[in-house]
Amino acid sequence: MTAEALATPRLIEADALIAEMGARARVAAKIMAVAPTGAKAAALRAAAAELRAQAPAILAANARDMDAGKTAGLSSAMLDRLRLDEGRLAAIADAVEDVAGLADPVGREIDRATRPNGMELSRVRVPLGVVGIIYESRPNVTADAAALGLMSGNAVILRGGSEAVNSNRAIHAAMAAGLEASGLPADAVQLVPVQDRAAVGALLRAQGLVDIIIPRGGKGLVARVQDEARVPVLAHLDGINHLYIDGAADPAKAVELAVNAKMRRTGVCGATETILIDRAYPAPLAIVDALIAAGCEVRGDKGVAALSAHVETAAAGDWDTEYLDAIVSIALVDGLDGALAHIDAHSSRHTDAIVTEDNETAERFLAEVDSAIVMHNASTQFADGGEFGLGAEIGIATGRLHARGPVALEGLTTYKWLVRGTGQVRP
């Protein structure tokens, strides 16, 4: 029997599963689209309470995932992404509750105009509909995605990574319990119950059932989604983020920002992966030494490698690598023009930052770097929807269409035109 023949039953089974989930999600989406703000907020507060009440079961589920991850040889950065403890779980519940307090974008008027014939036109925000979210590693995404999807009036179908399967199921159960307790449809948040990759393919092909797919994970996942999807994709690509230390940077500020941007949490997408130092900057070795003292492996170009015996010479691929680990690449560049050229060649358009006391240089950097988030004198670790005051986030969108940067409530809506007339006919 051919491989194609053997695969056919799996594909049929996966397609049937996603079709059934999608049909239920579409029914739920119609209810959520017109649900009052208060009802959605109450459901999220109930879900947050369930997350707290079910903390022992969630942490026990996460412990099973952690044990399996260690056995499978997951990296320390991946294990950090996966790990839950009482503090992190409490933060997840708080984030869900915070979303309940955010302004509801649904029905918000974007603009209004009156035509010469008296017709009144307005654009108002409406939900996207059914949102498929495919993600890896982080169990907090299960709660964040559910909360944002609900508050923006959507139904969501979640497909988490196999490494977090037990954690995701436990968190999803708490979210569904909160919905049911509040009288909103539990089908508004569904978790794909199987880890079979065929289910991902079925979700990507679910035209007419799923309105948009949001992938959150590494290059391999995003590439597969973009290659196979038959529904629109809102891509969250890797975070090859740069921190440029200008010649006019304050040395103390430069050291503190470099260490924080790289080492606060190395496994988050906002972590700096490449540091560029102006050749005119007076104290590059202090930055290198501070990073090494913080436990970071430094890979540098020839100029940086000459500064310290503890620096490894960078390979060509290092400038295009998202380490998500305690590793950083550092290069010396010829001023702002050199930094801009390097960033243009290697940035993933996620987050790039400059450290300088020269405001004219800073403004040029902010204007010319074409990334979703561009910063001046701030750590790239602030690339986060919560830090932007948006509540939880689905991810950082790096494209140019629909939404860019942290995708939160507004990013999960589109708009429609409303036309109010008094009997006008077109001549």
Protein backbone atom coordinates (compact mmCIF):
# COMPACT_ATOMS: atom_id res chain seq x y z
CA MET A 1 0.00 0.00 0.00
CA THR A 2 1.35 3.44 -0.88
CA ALA A 3 2.22 6.09 1.66
CA GLU A 4 -0.56 8.26 0.20
CA ALA A 5 -3.12 5.51 0.74
CA LEU A 6 -1.98 4.95 4.29
CA ALA A 7 -2.27 8.68 5.01
CA THR A 8 -5.75 9.07 3.54
CA PRO A 9 -7.73 7.83 6.61
CA ARG A 10 -5.76 10.21 8.85
CA LEU A 11 -6.48 13.13 6.57
CA ILE A 12 -10.18 12.31 6.38
CA GLU A 13 -10.34 11.94 10.15
CA ALA A 14 -8.50 15.24 10.70
CA ASP A 15 -10.65 17.09 8.17
CA ALA A 16 -13.81 15.75 9.82
CA LEU A 17 -12.59 16.80 13.26
CA ILE A 18 -11.73 20.35 12.20
CA ALA A 19 -14.94 20.64 10.16
CA GLU A 20 -16.97 19.71 13.22
CA MET A 21 -15.04 22.11 15.46
CA GLY A 22 -15.27 24.85 12.86
CA ALA A 23 -19.02 24.48 12.50
CA ARG A 24 -19.47 24.81 16.25
CA ALA A 25 -17.11 27.77 16.33
CA ARG A 26 -19.11 29.60 13.66
CA VAL A 27 -22.28 29.24 15.73
CA ALA A 28 -20.43 30.51 18.79
CA ALA A 29 -18.87 33.37 16.81
CA LYS A 30 -22.32 34.71 15.90
CA ILE A 31 -23.24 34.81 19.57
CA MET A 32 -19.94 36.38 20.62
CA ALA A 33 -20.15 39.06 17.92
CA VAL A 34 -23.21 40.59 19.58
CA ALA A 35 -22.45 39.69 23.20
CA PRO A 36 -22.56 42.76 25.47
CA THR A 37 -19.26 44.02 26.82
CA GLY A 38 -20.38 43.24 30.37
CA ALA A 39 -21.14 39.62 29.53
CA LYS A 40 -17.73 39.11 27.91
CA ALA A 41 -15.97 40.77 30.84
CA ALA A 42 -17.90 38.64 33.34
CA ALA A 43 -16.90 35.48 31.47
CA LEU A 44 -13.24 36.45 31.60
CA ARG A 45 -13.39 37.24 35.31
CA ALA A 46 -15.01 33.86 35.87
CA ALA A 47 -12.28 32.22 33.78
CA ALA A 48 -9.59 33.98 35.83
CA ALA A 49 -11.23 32.68 39.00
CA GLU A 50 -11.24 29.16 37.55
CA LEU A 51 -7.54 29.43 36.69
CA ARG A 52 -6.82 30.30 40.31
CA ALA A 53 -9.15 27.63 41.69
CA GLN A 54 -7.69 24.94 39.42
CA ALA A 55 -4.07 25.98 40.05
CA PRO A 56 -3.04 22.65 41.65
CA ALA A 57 -4.33 20.64 38.67
CA ILE A 58 -2.74 23.04 36.16
CA LEU A 59 0.64 22.98 37.91
CA ALA A 60 0.52 19.18 38.14
CA ALA A 61 -0.21 19.00 34.40
CA ASN A 62 2.68 21.36 33.73
CA ALA A 63 5.01 19.23 35.85
CA ARG A 64 4.21 16.27 33.58
CA ASP A 65 5.05 18.40 30.53
CA MET A 66 8.30 19.56 32.13
CA ASP A 67 9.35 15.98 32.90
CA ALA A 68 8.58 14.94 29.34
CA GLY A 69 10.44 17.97 27.99
CA LYS A 70 13.56 17.18 29.97
CA THR A 71 13.43 13.58 28.79
CA ALA A 72 13.06 14.78 25.21
CA GLY A 73 16.11 17.03 25.59
CA LEU A 74 14.41 20.42 25.25
CA SER A 75 16.83 23.34 25.61
CA SER A 76 16.93 25.39 28.79
CA ALA A 77 15.28 28.28 26.92
CA MET A 78 12.45 26.04 25.71
CA LEU A 79 11.97 24.62 29.19
CA ASP A 80 11.81 28.16 30.56
CA ARG A 81 9.05 28.96 28.07
CA LEU A 82 7.19 25.84 29.11
CA ARG A 83 7.56 26.11 32.87
CA LEU A 84 4.72 27.30 35.10
CA ASP A 85 4.93 28.01 38.81
CA GLU A 86 2.55 29.67 41.23
CA GLY A 87 3.78 33.13 40.29
CA ARG A 88 3.52 32.61 36.54
CA LEU A 89 0.10 31.02 36.81
CA ALA A 90 -1.10 33.87 38.99
CA ALA A 91 0.18 36.28 36.34
CA ILE A 92 -1.74 34.36 33.65
CA ALA A 93 -4.96 34.67 35.67
CA ASP A 94 -4.28 38.35 36.30
CA ALA A 95 -3.71 38.92 32.56
CA VAL A 96 -7.07 37.31 31.74
CA GLU A 97 -8.74 39.52 34.33
CA ASP A 98 -6.94 42.58 32.96
CA VAL A 99 -8.35 41.92 29.48
CA ALA A 100 -11.84 42.04 31.01
CA GLY A 101 -11.13 45.63 32.00
CA LEU A 102 -9.94 46.80 28.60
CA ALA A 103 -12.05 48.92 26.28
CA ASP A 104 -14.19 46.75 24.02
CA PRO A 105 -13.28 47.48 20.38
CA VAL A 106 -16.42 45.88 18.92
CA GLY A 107 -18.84 48.50 17.64
CA ARG A 108 -16.33 51.33 18.07
CA GLU A 109 -16.73 53.97 15.38
CA ILE A 110 -13.50 54.60 13.47
CA ASP A 111 -14.71 57.55 11.43
CA ARG A 112 -17.86 59.11 10.00
CA ALA A 113 -18.69 61.26 6.98
CA THR A 114 -21.77 62.74 5.34
CA ARG A 115 -21.92 62.64 1.55
CA PRO A 116 -23.27 65.59 -0.52
CA ASN A 117 -26.48 63.62 -1.14
CA GLY A 118 -27.10 63.35 2.60
CA MET A 119 -26.05 59.70 3.09
CA GLU A 120 -24.19 59.13 6.35
CA LEU A 121 -21.24 56.73 6.19
CA SER A 122 -19.41 55.31 9.15
CA ARG A 123 -16.83 52.58 9.73
CA VAL A 124 -17.19 50.47 12.86
CA ARG A 125 -15.06 47.70 14.30
CA VAL A 126 -16.38 44.13 14.08
CA PRO A 127 -14.85 40.77 15.08
CA LEU A 128 -12.79 38.75 12.61
CA GLY A 129 -15.03 35.71 13.20
CA VAL A 130 -13.36 32.35 13.78
CA VAL A 131 -9.65 32.66 14.54
CA GLY A 132 -7.33 29.65 14.36
CA ILE A 133 -4.24 30.02 16.53
CA ILE A 134 -1.34 27.59 16.16
CA TYR A 135 1.43 27.94 18.71
CA GLU A 136 4.35 26.23 20.40
CA SER A 137 5.80 25.84 23.87
CA ARG A 138 4.16 28.53 25.95
CA PRO A 139 1.04 27.39 27.82
CA ASN A 140 0.18 30.99 28.72
CA VAL A 141 -0.79 31.50 25.06
CA THR A 142 -3.79 29.25 25.66
CA ALA A 143 -5.20 31.71 28.19
CA ASP A 144 -4.01 34.87 26.43
CA ALA A 145 -5.43 33.85 23.06
CA ALA A 146 -8.72 32.75 24.57
CA ALA A 147 -9.11 35.97 26.55
CA LEU A 148 -8.32 38.27 23.65
CA GLY A 149 -10.47 36.26 21.26
CA LEU A 150 -13.46 36.40 23.58
CA MET A 151 -13.20 40.08 24.47
CA SER A 152 -12.91 41.00 20.78
CA GLY A 153 -16.10 39.04 20.02
CA ASN A 154 -14.47 36.12 18.17
CA ALA A 155 -14.49 32.36 18.53
CA VAL A 156 -11.04 30.76 18.65
CA ILE A 157 -9.72 27.32 17.77
CA LEU A 158 -6.43 26.68 19.54
CA ARG A 159 -3.78 24.17 18.56
CA GLY A 160 -0.86 24.15 20.99
CA GLY A 161 2.44 22.33 20.77
CA SER A 162 2.83 18.72 21.90
CA GLU A 163 5.42 19.72 24.51
CA ALA A 164 2.72 21.63 26.45
CA VAL A 165 -0.22 19.31 25.78
CA ASN A 166 -1.14 18.65 29.42
CA SER A 167 -0.74 22.28 30.48
CA ASN A 168 -2.82 23.52 27.55
CA ARG A 169 -5.64 21.08 28.27
CA ALA A 170 -5.77 22.07 31.94
CA ILE A 171 -5.78 25.79 31.15
CA HIS A 172 -8.39 25.34 28.43
CA ALA A 173 -10.65 23.47 30.85
CA ALA A 174 -10.52 26.41 33.24
CA MET A 175 -11.30 28.91 30.49
CA ALA A 176 -14.24 26.82 29.22
CA ALA A 177 -15.60 26.51 32.76
CA GLY A 178 -15.56 30.29 33.10
CA LEU A 179 -17.51 30.68 29.86
CA GLU A 180 -20.13 28.15 30.84
CA ALA A 181 -20.55 29.72 34.28
CA SER A 182 -21.29 33.05 32.59
CA GLY A 183 -23.78 31.73 30.06
CA LEU A 184 -21.63 32.24 26.97
CA PRO A 185 -20.92 29.32 24.62
CA ALA A 186 -17.98 27.13 25.61
CA ASP A 187 -17.49 26.50 21.88
CA ALA A 188 -16.16 30.04 21.63
CA VAL A 189 -12.85 28.61 22.87
CA GLN A 190 -11.94 25.17 21.55
CA LEU A 191 -8.67 23.30 21.85
CA VAL A 192 -7.80 20.79 19.13
CA PRO A 193 -7.85 17.53 21.14
CA VAL A 194 -5.19 15.66 19.13
CA GLN A 195 -1.51 16.31 18.49
CA ASP A 196 -1.54 14.73 15.04
CA ARG A 197 0.09 17.08 12.52
CA ALA A 198 -2.71 16.22 10.10
CA ALA A 199 -5.02 18.30 12.28
CA VAL A 200 -2.83 21.34 11.68
CA GLY A 201 -3.10 20.78 7.93
CA ALA A 202 -6.87 20.45 8.21
CA LEU A 203 -7.05 23.72 10.15
CA LEU A 204 -4.98 25.48 7.51
CA ARG A 205 -7.35 24.23 4.80
CA ALA A 206 -10.56 25.14 6.61
CA GLN A 207 -11.82 27.77 4.19
CA GLY A 208 -15.32 28.91 5.00
CA LEU A 209 -14.98 27.76 8.60
CA VAL A 210 -11.87 29.64 9.79
CA ASP A 211 -11.46 33.32 8.90
CA ILE A 212 -7.80 33.83 9.80
CA ILE A 213 -4.84 31.80 11.08
CA ILE A 214 -2.31 33.22 13.52
CA PRO A 215 0.87 31.16 13.96
CA ARG A 216 3.03 31.78 17.00
CA GLY A 217 6.28 29.87 17.03
CA GLY A 218 9.57 29.29 15.29
CA LYS A 219 10.53 29.59 11.64
CA GLY A 220 9.55 26.02 10.85
CA LEU A 221 6.00 26.46 12.11
CA VAL A 222 5.47 29.84 10.46
CA ALA A 223 6.93 28.60 7.16
CA ARG A 224 4.60 25.61 7.13
CA VAL A 225 1.58 27.76 7.90
CA GLN A 226 2.41 30.26 5.16
CA ASP A 227 3.09 27.50 2.64
CA GLU A 228 -0.02 25.42 3.32
CA ALA A 229 -2.68 27.85 4.49
CA ARG A 230 -5.76 28.36 2.34
CA VAL A 231 -7.08 31.03 4.70
CA PRO A 232 -5.47 34.41 5.47
CA VAL A 233 -2.44 34.33 7.79
CA LEU A 234 -1.33 36.95 10.30
CA ALA A 235 2.33 36.00 10.71
CA HIS A 236 4.41 36.29 13.85
CA LEU A 237 7.99 35.71 12.68
CA ASP A 238 11.19 35.23 14.64
CA GLY A 239 12.67 38.04 16.69
CA ILE A 240 16.14 38.78 15.35
CA ASN A 241 16.27 42.00 17.32
CA HIS A 242 19.09 44.54 17.36
CA LEU A 243 20.38 46.97 19.97
CA TYR A 244 22.58 49.69 18.45
CA ILE A 245 24.98 51.47 20.82
CA ASP A 246 25.63 54.85 19.22
CA GLY A 247 28.83 56.80 19.71
CA ALA A 248 26.83 59.33 21.74
CA ALA A 249 25.35 56.70 24.08
CA ASP A 250 25.61 57.13 27.83
CA PRO A 251 28.02 54.33 28.90
CA ALA A 252 26.18 53.35 32.07
CA LYS A 253 22.86 53.33 30.24
CA ALA A 254 24.37 51.32 27.39
CA VAL A 255 25.66 48.56 29.68
CA GLU A 256 22.40 48.32 31.63
CA LEU A 257 20.25 48.20 28.50
CA ALA A 258 22.50 45.67 26.75
CA VAL A 259 22.41 43.24 29.68
CA ASN A 260 18.68 43.62 30.24
CA ALA A 261 17.75 43.42 26.55
CA LYS A 262 19.68 40.17 26.18
CA MET A 263 19.57 38.47 29.55
CA ARG A 264 16.35 39.39 31.40
CA ARG A 265 14.62 36.47 29.71
CA THR A 266 16.54 34.96 26.85
CA GLY A 267 13.66 32.82 25.56
CA VAL A 268 11.18 35.61 24.76
CA CYS A 269 10.74 37.01 21.26
CA GLY A 270 11.69 40.50 22.45
CA ALA A 271 15.17 39.45 23.55
CA THR A 272 18.02 41.19 21.75
CA GLU A 273 20.04 38.78 19.61
CA THR A 274 22.56 41.16 18.02
CA ILE A 275 24.28 44.18 19.51
CA LEU A 276 25.84 46.73 17.16
CA ILE A 277 28.43 49.11 18.60
CA ASP A 278 29.56 52.29 16.89
CA ARG A 279 33.31 52.27 16.36
CA ALA A 280 33.28 55.75 17.89
CA TYR A 281 31.78 54.46 21.14
CA PRO A 282 34.47 54.76 23.82
CA ALA A 283 33.83 51.68 25.98
CA PRO A 284 32.84 48.60 23.95
CA LEU A 285 34.78 46.20 26.21
CA ALA A 286 32.63 47.20 29.20
CA ILE A 287 29.54 45.98 27.33
CA VAL A 288 31.23 42.71 26.38
CA ASP A 289 32.50 42.12 29.92
CA ALA A 290 29.10 42.89 31.47
CA LEU A 291 27.39 40.37 29.24
CA ILE A 292 29.97 37.68 29.93
CA ALA A 293 29.69 38.36 33.68
CA ALA A 294 25.93 37.88 33.36
CA GLY A 295 26.49 34.40 31.91
CA CYS A 296 26.13 35.25 28.23
CA GLU A 297 28.21 33.69 25.47
CA VAL A 298 29.49 36.43 23.16
CA ARG A 299 30.15 35.83 19.47
CA GLY A 300 31.80 38.78 17.79
CA ASP A 301 33.18 40.02 14.51
CA LYS A 302 36.95 40.48 14.21
CA GLY A 303 36.88 43.83 15.97
CA VAL A 304 34.91 42.53 18.93
CA ALA A 305 36.88 39.28 19.13
CA ALA A 306 40.05 41.35 19.44
CA LEU A 307 38.70 43.01 22.58
CA SER A 308 38.59 39.87 24.74
CA ALA A 309 39.89 36.32 24.71
CA HIS A 310 36.47 35.24 25.98
CA VAL A 311 34.75 36.22 22.72
CA GLU A 312 34.19 33.57 20.06
CA THR A 313 34.46 34.59 16.43
CA ALA A 314 30.99 34.85 14.92
CA ALA A 315 30.07 32.73 11.92
CA ALA A 316 28.16 34.21 8.98
CA GLY A 317 24.93 32.58 10.15
CA ASP A 318 25.07 34.16 13.60
CA TRP A 319 23.77 37.48 12.27
CA ASP A 320 20.59 35.74 11.11
CA THR A 321 20.01 33.56 14.17
CA GLU A 322 17.34 33.90 16.85
CA TYR A 323 19.22 32.24 19.70
CA LEU A 324 16.49 32.36 22.37
CA ASP A 325 19.35 31.50 24.71
CA ALA A 326 22.19 33.17 26.60
CA ILE A 327 24.12 33.85 23.38
CA VAL A 328 24.58 37.19 21.63
CA SER A 329 26.35 38.31 18.47
CA ILE A 330 28.16 41.66 18.56
CA ALA A 331 29.59 43.68 15.69
CA LEU A 332 31.38 47.02 15.41
CA VAL A 333 29.79 49.31 12.81
CA ASP A 334 30.63 52.63 11.21
CA GLY A 335 28.14 54.89 12.91
CA LEU A 336 24.42 55.10 12.27
CA ASP A 337 24.74 54.35 8.55
CA GLY A 338 26.61 51.13 9.32
CA ALA A 339 23.98 50.13 11.89
CA LEU A 340 21.11 50.86 9.52
CA ALA A 341 22.75 48.81 6.77
CA HIS A 342 23.31 45.83 9.09
CA ILE A 343 19.76 45.97 10.44
CA ASP A 344 18.29 46.26 6.95
CA ALA A 345 20.23 43.14 5.92
CA HIS A 346 19.56 40.98 8.98
CA SER A 347 16.56 42.21 11.00
CA SER A 348 13.37 40.14 11.07
CA ARG A 349 11.41 43.44 11.35
CA HIS A 350 10.31 42.62 14.89
CA THR A 351 12.03 45.01 17.32
CA ASP A 352 15.14 47.15 16.96
CA ALA A 353 16.50 49.76 19.37
CA ILE A 354 19.08 52.54 19.61
CA VAL A 355 20.95 53.79 22.67
CA THR A 356 22.05 57.40 22.24
CA GLU A 357 21.86 60.82 23.85
CA ASP A 358 21.79 62.48 20.41
CA ASN A 359 18.12 63.12 19.68
CA GLU A 360 18.70 63.87 16.00
CA THR A 361 20.39 60.49 15.55
CA ALA A 362 17.62 58.80 17.52
CA GLU A 363 14.88 60.36 15.38
CA ARG A 364 16.61 59.27 12.21
CA PHE A 365 16.87 55.71 13.55
CA LEU A 366 13.19 55.71 14.53
CA ALA A 367 12.21 56.96 11.08
CA GLU A 368 14.45 54.75 8.93
CA VAL A 369 14.31 51.35 10.66
CA ASP A 370 11.41 49.45 9.11
CA SER A 371 10.39 47.18 11.98
CA ALA A 372 7.11 46.66 13.81
CA ILE A 373 8.63 48.16 16.97
CA VAL A 374 11.47 50.69 17.00
CA MET A 375 12.84 51.98 20.32
CA HIS A 376 15.09 54.70 21.70
CA ASN A 377 16.87 54.23 25.03
CA ALA A 378 14.66 51.32 26.08
CA SER A 379 15.18 47.58 26.38
CA THR A 380 13.82 45.43 23.57
CA GLN A 381 12.33 43.25 26.32
CA PHE A 382 9.49 45.81 26.43
CA ALA A 383 8.23 44.40 23.11
CA ASP A 384 5.13 43.00 24.73
CA GLY A 385 1.43 43.79 24.52
CA GLY A 386 1.09 44.01 28.29
CA GLU A 387 3.92 46.54 28.50
CA PHE A 388 2.25 48.56 25.75
CA GLY A 389 -0.95 48.75 27.80
CA LEU A 390 -2.80 46.40 25.45
CA GLY A 391 -3.34 43.61 27.96
CA ALA A 392 -2.34 40.14 26.81
CA GLU A 393 -1.23 39.62 23.22
CA ILE A 394 -1.46 36.94 20.56
CA GLY A 395 1.99 37.79 19.27
CA ILE A 396 4.05 40.44 17.50
CA ALA A 397 2.98 40.75 13.87
CA THR A 398 5.93 41.61 11.63
CA GLY A 399 4.10 42.09 8.33
CA ARG A 400 2.53 45.25 6.99
CA LEU A 401 -1.10 44.24 6.49
CA HIS A 402 -4.03 44.37 8.90
CA ALA A 403 -2.06 44.53 12.16
CA ARG A 404 1.55 45.23 13.09
CA GLY A 405 3.40 44.94 16.38
CA PRO A 406 1.62 43.51 19.43
CA VAL A 407 -1.66 41.95 18.30
CA ALA A 408 -4.24 42.51 21.01
CA LEU A 409 -7.95 43.33 20.98
CA GLU A 410 -7.98 45.82 18.13
CA GLY A 411 -5.76 43.53 16.04
CA LEU A 412 -8.43 40.84 16.29
CA THR A 413 -11.07 43.02 14.70
CA THR A 414 -11.73 44.32 11.22
CA TYR A 415 -14.33 46.89 10.19
CA LYS A 416 -17.44 47.26 8.13
CA TRP A 417 -19.10 50.25 6.51
CA LEU A 418 -22.50 51.39 7.69
CA VAL A 419 -24.51 53.54 5.29
CA ARG A 420 -27.61 55.38 6.53
CA GLY A 421 -29.80 57.01 3.92
CA THR A 422 -33.19 58.65 3.57
CA GLY A 423 -34.20 57.08 0.27
CA GLN A 424 -31.30 58.21 -1.97
CA VAL A 425 -31.07 56.57 -5.42
CA ARG A 426 -28.00 56.74 -7.63
CA PRO A 427 -28.50 58.79 -10.80
